[in-house]
C-alpha atoms as a PDB file:
ATOM      1  CA  MET A   1      69.306  66.107  62.694  1.00  0.00           C
ATOM      2  CA  LYS A   2      68.194  69.348  62.267  1.00  0.00           C
ATOM      3  CA  ALA A   3      67.341  69.929  66.530  1.00  0.00           C
ATOM      4  CA  ALA A   4      70.892  68.832  67.142  1.00  0.00           C
ATOM      5  CA  ALA A   5      72.056  71.583  65.098  1.00  0.00           C
ATOM      6  CA  VAL A   6      70.759  74.002  66.763  1.00  0.00           C
ATOM      7  CA  LEU A   7      71.222  72.092  69.662  1.00  0.00           C
ATOM      8  CA  MET A   8      74.582  72.536  69.363  1.00  0.00           C
ATOM      9  CA  LEU A   9      74.625  76.297  67.903  1.00  0.00           C
ATOM     10  CA  ALA A  10      73.644  77.069  71.105  1.00  0.00           C
ATOM     11  CA  LEU A  11      76.124  75.270  73.050  1.00  0.00           C
ATOM     12  CA  LEU A  12      78.844  77.106  71.582  1.00  0.00           C
ATOM     13  CA  PRO A  13      78.871  80.606  73.135  1.00  0.00           C
ATOM     14  CA  LEU A  14      78.756  78.694  75.815  1.00  0.00           C
ATOM     15  CA  SER A  15      81.274  76.517  75.945  1.00  0.00           C
ATOM     16  CA  GLY A  16      83.707  79.481  74.973  1.00  0.00           C
ATOM     17  CA  CYS A  17      82.328  80.746  78.024  1.00  0.00           C
ATOM     18  CA  VAL A  18      83.601  78.333  80.536  1.00  0.00           C
ATOM     19  CA  SER A  19      86.589  77.778  78.351  1.00  0.00           C
ATOM     20  CA  THR A  20      87.509  81.260  79.078  1.00  0.00           C
ATOM     21  CA  PRO A  21      89.348  82.431  81.989  1.00  0.00           C
ATOM     22  CA  ALA A  22      88.677  84.153  84.674  1.00  0.00           C
ATOM     23  CA  GLN A  23      90.610  87.909  84.778  1.00  0.00           C
ATOM     24  CA  PRO A  24      93.402  87.213  87.101  1.00  0.00           C
ATOM     25  CA  GLU A  25      93.025  89.204  91.148  1.00  0.00           C
ATOM     26  CA  THR A  26      95.694  91.537  91.269  1.00  0.00           C
ATOM     27  CA  PRO A  27      98.032  89.704  94.163  1.00  0.00           C
ATOM     28  CA  GLN A  28      97.808  93.304  97.392  1.00  0.00           C
ATOM     29  CA  PRO A  29     101.486  93.668  97.992  1.00  0.00           C
ATOM     30  CA  LEU A  30     102.647  92.328 101.151  1.00  0.00           C
ATOM     31  CA  PRO A  31     103.180  94.304 104.014  1.00  0.00           C
ATOM     32  CA  ARG A  32     106.374  95.109 105.072  1.00  0.00           C
ATOM     33  CA  ALA A  33     107.538  95.811 108.020  1.00  0.00           C
ATOM     34  CA  LYS A  34     108.163  99.081 109.597  1.00  0.00           C
ATOM     35  CA  PRO A  35     112.094  99.891 110.399  1.00  0.00           C
ATOM     36  CA  SER A  36     111.495  99.683 114.528  1.00  0.00           C
ATOM     37  CA  GLU A  37     114.656 102.121 115.132  1.00  0.00           C
ATOM     38  CA  CYS A  38     113.781 104.855 112.346  1.00  0.00           C
ATOM     39  CA  LEU A  39     110.414 105.871 113.952  1.00  0.00           C
ATOM     40  CA  GLN A  40     111.954 105.876 117.483  1.00  0.00           C
ATOM     41  CA  ALA A  41     110.934 109.798 118.649  1.00  0.00           C
ATOM     42  CA  CYS A  42     114.437 112.136 117.496  1.00  0.00           C
ATOM     43  CA  ARG A  43     115.104 114.026 120.602  1.00  0.00           C
ATOM     44  CA  VAL A  44     118.202 116.057 120.188  1.00  0.00           C
ATOM     45  CA  ASN A  45     118.259 117.058 123.228  1.00  0.00           C
ATOM     46  CA  SER A  46     120.462 120.226 124.920  1.00  0.00           C
ATOM     47  CA  CYS A  47     123.190 118.852 127.066  1.00  0.00           C
ATOM     48  CA  THR A  48     122.890 121.076 130.384  1.00  0.00           C
ATOM     49  CA  LEU A  49     125.936 122.094 131.931  1.00  0.00           C
ATOM     50  CA  PRO A  50     126.287 121.498 136.105  1.00  0.00           C
ATOM     51  CA  HIS A  51     124.952 123.045 138.785  1.00  0.00           C
ATOM     52  CA  TRP A  52     129.021 124.285 139.595  1.00  0.00           C
ATOM     53  CA  PHE A  53     129.560 125.320 136.300  1.00  0.00           C
ATOM     54  CA  ASP A  54     130.396 129.038 136.999  1.00  0.00           C
ATOM     55  CA  GLN A  55     132.990 128.085 139.605  1.00  0.00           C
ATOM     56  CA  ALA A  56     134.929 125.828 137.587  1.00  0.00           C
ATOM     57  CA  THR A  57     138.267 127.201 136.158  1.00  0.00           C
ATOM     58  CA  LEU A  58     137.922 128.239 132.486  1.00  0.00           C
ATOM     59  CA  GLU A  59     140.133 125.060 130.918  1.00  0.00           C
ATOM     60  CA  ASP A  60     137.418 123.264 132.745  1.00  0.00           C
ATOM     61  CA  GLN A  61     134.524 125.056 131.521  1.00  0.00           C
ATOM     62  CA  ALA A  62     135.620 125.396 128.046  1.00  0.00           C
ATOM     63  CA  ALA A  63     136.178 121.320 128.648  1.00  0.00           C
ATOM     64  CA  LEU A  64     132.817 120.718 129.704  1.00  0.00           C
ATOM     65  CA  LEU A  65     131.183 123.456 126.746  1.00  0.00           C
ATOM     66  CA  LEU A  66     133.230 121.683 124.314  1.00  0.00           C
ATOM     67  CA  ASN A  67     131.761 117.513 125.262  1.00  0.00           C
ATOM     68  CA  CYS A  68     128.078 119.507 124.914  1.00  0.00           C
ATOM     69  CA  SER A  69     128.683 120.764 121.765  1.00  0.00           C
ATOM     70  CA  ILE A  70     130.190 117.169 120.844  1.00  0.00           C
ATOM     71  CA  VAL A  71     127.323 114.854 122.462  1.00  0.00           C
ATOM     72  CA  ASN A  72     124.748 117.835 120.585  1.00  0.00           C
ATOM     73  CA  ALA A  73     125.878 117.376 117.249  1.00  0.00           C
ATOM     74  CA  TYR A  74     126.076 113.471 117.730  1.00  0.00           C
ATOM     75  CA  GLU A  75     122.543 113.614 118.174  1.00  0.00           C
ATOM     76  CA  ALA A  76     121.569 115.646 115.336  1.00  0.00           C
ATOM     77  CA  ARG A  77     123.865 113.449 113.141  1.00  0.00           C
ATOM     78  CA  GLU A  78     121.311 110.270 114.491  1.00  0.00           C
ATOM     79  CA  CYS A  79     118.836 111.788 114.092  1.00  0.00           C
ATOM     80  CA  ALA A  80     118.716 112.924 110.961  1.00  0.00           C
ATOM     81  CA  ARG A  81     120.074 109.135 110.342  1.00  0.00           C
ATOM     82  CA  ARG A  82     116.773 108.411 111.305  1.00  0.00           C
ATOM     83  CA  GLN A  83     115.308 110.648 108.802  1.00  0.00           C
ATOM     84  CA  GLY A  84     116.776 109.288 106.264  1.00  0.00           C
ATOM     85  CA  CYS A  85     116.773 105.502 107.307  1.00  0.00           C
ATOM     86  CA  LEU A  86     112.468 106.815 107.223  1.00  0.00           C
ATOM     87  CA  ALA A  87     112.178 108.658 104.408  1.00  0.00           C
ATOM     88  CA  GLU A  88     114.284 106.144 102.315  1.00  0.00           C
ATOM     89  CA  TRP A  89     111.276 103.314 103.973  1.00  0.00           C
ATOM     90  CA  ILE A  90     109.100 105.579 102.887  1.00  0.00           C
ATOM     91  CA  SER A  91     109.653 106.173  98.796  1.00  0.00           C
ATOM     92  CA  GLU A  92     109.671 102.724  98.138  1.00  0.00           C
ATOM     93  CA  GLU A  93     106.212 102.378  98.555  1.00  0.00           C
END
């Protein structure tokens, strides 16, 4: 009887260790797909005027310059939008 009590006392800590659950592993965050549109290179190309610009009328020159400024402004806005999209994606990390 005494041997059985000693054996039970010896096994008691082991039974507690066996039933204690292990520390759960912290799950790794799932990789997020990078927004491919945001990763495209941003280039604001300056509009080039045609070689015959200096021979055009003043009205045509004004129209060409206005068109170039509109195109440049559009490209700059698109670049800013892409950079904003990328900054938003990075800040979500």
